Structure formats: structure tokens, C-alpha cells
């Protein structure tokens, strides 16, 4: 994928990210203590990649993050896209920025710029799993997108480049550590252009060498080390 692709027709809105319901995969209900959990039907070996990814994310959300009844309604089968990694975001009212911050803090050291709950300072997300499940594809990289360097959140919005939310960046950090025992954004920072704080600014996140670091940044400022991560749909 070239840098020009970052601003091509593959840049899509949240609605296209969730997939077409016409080919929606069937679901089944499974008891989990006293609750029922909506989980994905496997492809019965016709799509081993999808089956493996489903197993991984069900395990992550249910047993590691502690979401006992994640709802995967509407998630459709997909194939691998080299260079990209999917985040499967189930619908659940407890999947929030503060909940994922707390989950990250259980695994490694974290810091945020405010003593308040992130759920109280985040006012807007372009995608929200409390409203419905979806799959978010991002470049599978340690560092934020080189293609988006020196572009402010306002410029990205004008160019219709959909960016990562704070919650998705937290999930990405948790997922990367879970798989590799490593961290993201060692040399640069991700600006979460899909999120806004109450004050109108946006989050920025990185691994600063000792901890996962969540701060704020201006929507109209740009810097070579501050880059968003572009959302893709396939």
C-alpha cells in the first residue's frame, strides 16, 4: 500500500466498517454462568484465519478483559489482509476508554493526564461499541502511520481520513502486549483523531519507555512524531 492509498477511496466511515448485513454470519447463544453470550459461529474450517481470529478475540474479551457477555452480532466473516490487523469490538455497555485503561493497568504501568475517569472527559468517538459491534482494521505496525505525519486532526477530517479512537488505541496496546509482550509507539505518538475530549482537544498515546502514556493535544496542530492511525475497511 502506497502513501497515496492513505487518502484513497478505501478511507471509509464507521458505517462501512461494520460490514454488510446481507452476508451476516449466524450466531448462537451460549450460557455463561447466568448470562447469555452472543458469539460468532465458526466457518467450519472453510476460513481458518477467521476462526482463529474469532477464538482469540472471544478469549481476550471474556476471560482477560472480563466482559462476560460480549455481543458480536453483525460481525461478518473476513479474510486476512497482509500488513493489516483487525480489532474485533463487540457491543457492550462496559467497553469504554476507562475500562480498557484499567485492563491495561493490570498488565503494565499506565499514566493518564487527568485524575478523572476517562469516561468523564471523553465526549465524542466516531465509533462506539456501546452502540454496536464492529471490526476496525489498522496497519499492523509498532509506530503510528508514517503516511499521516505532519497532519493535524482538522486536516485529516477535511481529507476524510478516518482515524483511530482512544478506545481502539487502548485495545491495540493491550492486544499487542498480549501477543508480543511489547508496546506500540516507541519513537512516535498516536493522535487519536477519532476522539474528542470535553475541552475540544484530542488524546495522544505512546509507550514512553516505562509506561503507557495518555495525554492531550490540539486538534489544529501537527508534528512529525504525532501521527494518527487510519481506519480501513475490506
Protein backbone atom coordinates (compact mmCIF):
# COMPACT_ATOMS: atom_id res chain seq x y z
CA UNK A 1 0.00 0.00 0.00
CA UNK A 2 1.43 3.34 -1.02
CA UNK A 3 1.13 6.59 0.90
CA UNK A 4 -1.37 7.77 -1.72
CA UNK A 5 -3.63 4.92 -0.68
CA UNK A 6 -3.99 6.58 2.72
CA UNK A 7 -6.21 9.19 1.08
CA UNK A 8 -7.90 6.95 -1.47
CA UNK A 9 -11.43 5.68 -1.69
CA UNK A 10 -10.51 3.00 0.85
CA UNK A 11 -10.84 5.67 3.51
CA UNK A 12 -14.26 4.94 4.87
CA UNK A 13 -16.72 5.93 7.53
CA UNK A 14 -17.81 3.93 10.54
CA UNK A 15 -20.92 2.68 8.76
CA UNK A 16 -18.92 0.83 6.10
CA UNK A 17 -16.59 -0.63 8.70
CA UNK A 18 -19.23 -2.80 10.30
CA UNK A 19 -19.79 -4.75 7.08
CA UNK A 20 -22.86 -5.70 5.04
CA UNK A 21 -25.64 -7.38 6.93
CA UNK A 22 -26.76 -9.29 3.85
CA UNK A 23 -23.97 -11.78 4.43
CA UNK A 24 -24.11 -11.63 8.19
CA UNK A 25 -22.73 -14.67 9.91
CA UNK A 26 -25.18 -16.63 12.06
CA UNK A 27 -24.89 -16.54 15.81
CA UNK A 28 -25.65 -18.81 18.71
CA UNK A 29 -26.27 -18.16 22.37
CA UNK A 30 -24.05 -19.80 24.92
CA UNK A 31 -24.63 -19.85 28.64
CA UNK A 32 -22.00 -18.18 30.77
CA UNK A 33 -22.99 -18.54 34.40
CA UNK A 34 -26.43 -16.88 34.47
CA UNK A 35 -25.98 -14.71 31.35
CA UNK A 36 -26.06 -15.46 27.63
CA UNK A 37 -23.24 -14.52 25.34
CA UNK A 38 -23.58 -13.84 21.64
CA UNK A 39 -20.58 -15.43 19.96
CA UNK A 40 -19.52 -15.97 16.40
CA UNK A 41 -20.26 -19.18 14.53
CA UNK A 42 -17.07 -20.65 13.11
CA UNK A 43 -16.63 -21.17 9.39
CA UNK A 44 -16.24 -24.92 9.92
CA UNK A 45 -12.69 -24.87 8.56
CA UNK A 46 -13.61 -23.08 5.34
CA UNK A 47 -11.92 -19.94 6.70
CA UNK A 48 -9.25 -20.95 9.24
CA UNK A 49 -7.99 -17.38 9.57
CA UNK A 50 -11.42 -16.09 10.60
CA UNK A 51 -11.88 -18.97 13.04
CA UNK A 52 -8.51 -18.32 14.67
CA UNK A 53 -9.13 -14.59 14.97
CA UNK A 54 -12.59 -15.18 16.46
CA UNK A 55 -11.21 -17.55 19.06
CA UNK A 56 -8.53 -15.06 20.02
CA UNK A 57 -10.88 -12.09 20.49
CA UNK A 58 -13.54 -14.08 22.33
CA UNK A 59 -10.84 -15.22 24.75
CA UNK A 60 -9.48 -11.68 25.11
CA UNK A 61 -12.81 -10.01 25.80
CA UNK A 62 -14.35 -12.66 28.01
CA UNK A 63 -11.50 -14.09 30.05
CA UNK A 64 -8.90 -11.34 30.04
CA UNK A 65 -10.82 -8.07 29.96
CA UNK A 66 -13.71 -9.63 31.89
CA UNK A 67 -16.64 -8.83 29.60
CA UNK A 68 -18.82 -11.84 30.37
CA UNK A 69 -21.44 -11.40 27.65
CA UNK A 70 -19.88 -9.62 24.64
CA UNK A 71 -22.28 -9.28 21.72
CA UNK A 72 -20.72 -9.98 18.31
CA UNK A 73 -23.97 -9.53 16.38
CA UNK A 74 -23.36 -8.31 12.85
CA UNK A 75 -19.71 -9.37 12.57
CA UNK A 76 -19.26 -10.98 9.15
CA UNK A 77 -16.57 -13.47 8.06
CA UNK A 78 -13.42 -11.89 6.65
CA UNK A 79 -10.10 -12.98 5.21
CA UNK A 80 -6.56 -11.94 6.06
CA UNK A 81 -5.11 -8.75 4.60
CA UNK A 82 -1.31 -8.80 4.90
CA UNK A 83 0.04 -5.74 6.66
CA UNK A 84 -3.22 -5.06 8.48
CA UNK A 85 -4.73 -6.37 11.73
CA UNK A 86 -8.40 -6.43 12.76
CA UNK A 87 -9.68 -5.33 16.15
CA UNK A 88 -12.99 -7.07 16.85
CA UNK A 89 -15.08 -4.76 19.01
CA UNK A 90 -18.20 -6.44 20.45
CA UNK A 91 -21.20 -4.47 21.60
CA UNK A 92 -21.25 -3.95 25.35
CA UNK A 93 -22.02 -1.01 27.63
CA UNK A 94 -18.91 -1.64 29.74
CA UNK A 95 -16.40 -1.44 26.88
CA UNK A 96 -15.19 2.10 27.44
CA UNK A 97 -11.93 4.05 27.49
CA UNK A 98 -11.66 3.87 31.28
CA UNK A 99 -12.41 0.15 31.39
CA UNK A 100 -9.65 -0.58 28.88
CA UNK A 101 -7.27 1.76 30.71
CA UNK A 102 -7.89 -0.24 33.88
CA UNK A 103 -7.37 -3.51 31.99
CA UNK A 104 -4.08 -2.23 30.60
CA UNK A 105 -3.01 -1.10 34.06
CA UNK A 106 -3.47 -4.65 35.33
CA UNK A 107 -0.88 -5.83 32.79
CA UNK A 108 1.64 -2.97 32.67
CA UNK A 109 2.29 0.51 34.03
CA UNK A 110 -0.01 3.26 32.76
CA UNK A 111 -0.42 7.01 33.19
CA UNK A 112 -3.12 9.47 32.13
CA UNK A 113 -3.09 13.24 32.27
CA UNK A 114 -6.23 13.52 34.41
CA UNK A 115 -7.28 12.10 37.77
CA UNK A 116 -10.85 11.88 36.46
CA UNK A 117 -12.27 8.83 34.74
CA UNK A 118 -11.58 8.90 31.02
CA UNK A 119 -15.27 8.22 30.54
CA UNK A 120 -15.99 11.62 32.09
CA UNK A 121 -13.56 13.56 29.89
CA UNK A 122 -14.21 11.83 26.54
CA UNK A 123 -17.21 13.46 24.87
CA UNK A 124 -17.13 12.01 21.34
CA UNK A 125 -15.97 8.90 19.49
CA UNK A 126 -16.53 8.26 15.80
CA UNK A 127 -17.16 4.60 16.69
CA UNK A 128 -18.50 3.27 19.96
CA UNK A 129 -19.01 -0.42 20.83
CA UNK A 130 -21.72 0.57 23.28
CA UNK A 131 -23.81 1.29 20.19
CA UNK A 132 -22.94 -1.81 18.18
CA UNK A 133 -20.24 -4.33 17.33
CA UNK A 134 -17.76 -3.71 14.53
CA UNK A 135 -14.37 -4.68 13.09
CA UNK A 136 -11.68 -2.00 12.86
CA UNK A 137 -8.70 -2.64 10.58
CA UNK A 138 -5.44 -0.75 11.07
CA UNK A 139 -1.94 -1.12 9.69
CA UNK A 140 -0.13 -3.75 11.73
CA UNK A 141 2.77 -1.57 12.87
CA UNK A 142 4.51 -0.62 16.07
CA UNK A 143 4.65 3.06 15.08
CA UNK A 144 1.71 5.25 14.05
CA UNK A 145 1.20 5.79 10.33
CA UNK A 146 4.17 7.40 8.62
CA UNK A 147 1.77 8.38 5.83
CA UNK A 148 -0.08 10.70 8.22
CA UNK A 149 2.88 12.61 9.69
CA UNK A 150 2.59 16.39 9.87
CA UNK A 151 -1.19 16.27 9.51
CA UNK A 152 -3.43 17.71 12.22
CA UNK A 153 -6.76 16.20 13.20
CA UNK A 154 -8.58 19.04 11.46
CA UNK A 155 -6.62 18.44 8.26
CA UNK A 156 -7.37 14.71 8.43
CA UNK A 157 -11.07 15.48 8.86
CA UNK A 158 -11.05 17.73 5.80
CA UNK A 159 -9.32 14.99 3.83
CA UNK A 160 -11.92 12.48 5.06
CA UNK A 161 -9.30 10.19 6.57
CA UNK A 162 -10.98 8.22 9.40
CA UNK A 163 -8.71 7.92 12.42
CA UNK A 164 -8.35 5.71 15.45
CA UNK A 165 -10.29 6.37 18.66
CA UNK A 166 -8.75 6.41 22.13
CA UNK A 167 -10.55 3.18 23.00
CA UNK A 168 -9.25 1.46 19.86
CA UNK A 169 -5.71 2.64 20.64
CA UNK A 170 -6.02 1.16 24.14
CA UNK A 171 -7.32 -2.12 22.71
CA UNK A 172 -4.44 -2.11 20.22
CA UNK A 173 -1.92 -1.63 23.05
CA UNK A 174 -3.49 -4.42 25.10
CA UNK A 175 -3.64 -6.74 22.09
CA UNK A 176 -0.03 -6.05 21.06
CA UNK A 177 1.28 -6.66 24.58
CA UNK A 178 -0.84 -9.79 24.87
CA UNK A 179 0.70 -11.26 21.72
CA UNK A 180 4.28 -9.96 21.87
CA UNK A 181 4.95 -8.71 25.40
CA UNK A 182 5.94 -5.44 23.70
CA UNK A 183 4.45 -1.98 23.24
CA UNK A 184 3.49 0.46 20.49
CA UNK A 185 4.66 3.95 19.56
CA UNK A 186 8.15 3.71 21.00
CA UNK A 187 9.53 6.58 18.91
CA UNK A 188 6.37 8.44 17.89
CA UNK A 189 2.88 9.14 19.25
CA UNK A 190 -0.58 8.26 18.03
CA UNK A 191 -3.05 11.13 17.92
CA UNK A 192 -6.49 9.63 18.39
CA UNK A 193 -8.23 11.74 15.77
CA UNK A 194 -11.46 9.76 16.14
CA UNK A 195 -11.96 11.02 19.73
CA UNK A 196 -12.54 14.40 21.35
CA UNK A 197 -12.25 15.44 24.98
CA UNK A 198 -14.78 17.74 26.62
CA UNK A 199 -12.38 20.66 26.15
CA UNK A 200 -12.32 20.05 22.39
CA UNK A 201 -8.77 18.65 22.28
CA UNK A 202 -7.91 15.06 21.40
CA UNK A 203 -5.95 12.24 23.05
CA UNK A 204 -2.41 11.25 22.18
CA UNK A 205 -0.84 7.99 23.31
CA UNK A 206 2.53 6.26 23.32
CA UNK A 207 4.86 3.99 25.29
CA UNK A 208 7.33 6.41 26.87
CA UNK A 209 9.87 3.77 27.84
CA UNK A 210 8.38 2.91 31.22
CA UNK A 211 4.61 3.26 30.88
CA UNK A 212 1.62 3.57 28.57
CA UNK A 213 1.05 7.29 28.39
CA UNK A 214 -2.27 9.07 27.56
CA UNK A 215 -2.21 12.86 27.23
CA UNK A 216 -3.95 15.53 25.16
CA UNK A 217 -3.09 17.53 22.04
CA UNK A 218 -4.52 20.35 19.95
CA UNK A 219 -6.75 19.45 17.00
CA UNK A 220 -5.18 22.11 14.76
CA UNK A 221 -1.50 21.34 15.46
CA UNK A 222 0.80 19.00 13.54
CA UNK A 223 4.17 17.42 14.21
CA UNK A 224 6.33 14.79 12.52
CA UNK A 225 6.21 12.46 15.54
CA UNK A 226 2.47 12.89 16.07
CA UNK A 227 0.50 10.76 13.62
CA UNK A 228 -2.91 9.21 13.56
CA UNK A 229 -3.63 5.60 12.60
CA UNK A 230 -6.00 5.28 9.67
CA UNK A 231 -9.10 3.09 9.80
CA UNK A 232 -9.59 0.75 6.85
CA UNK A 233 -12.45 -1.48 5.74
CA UNK A 234 -12.15 -4.51 3.46
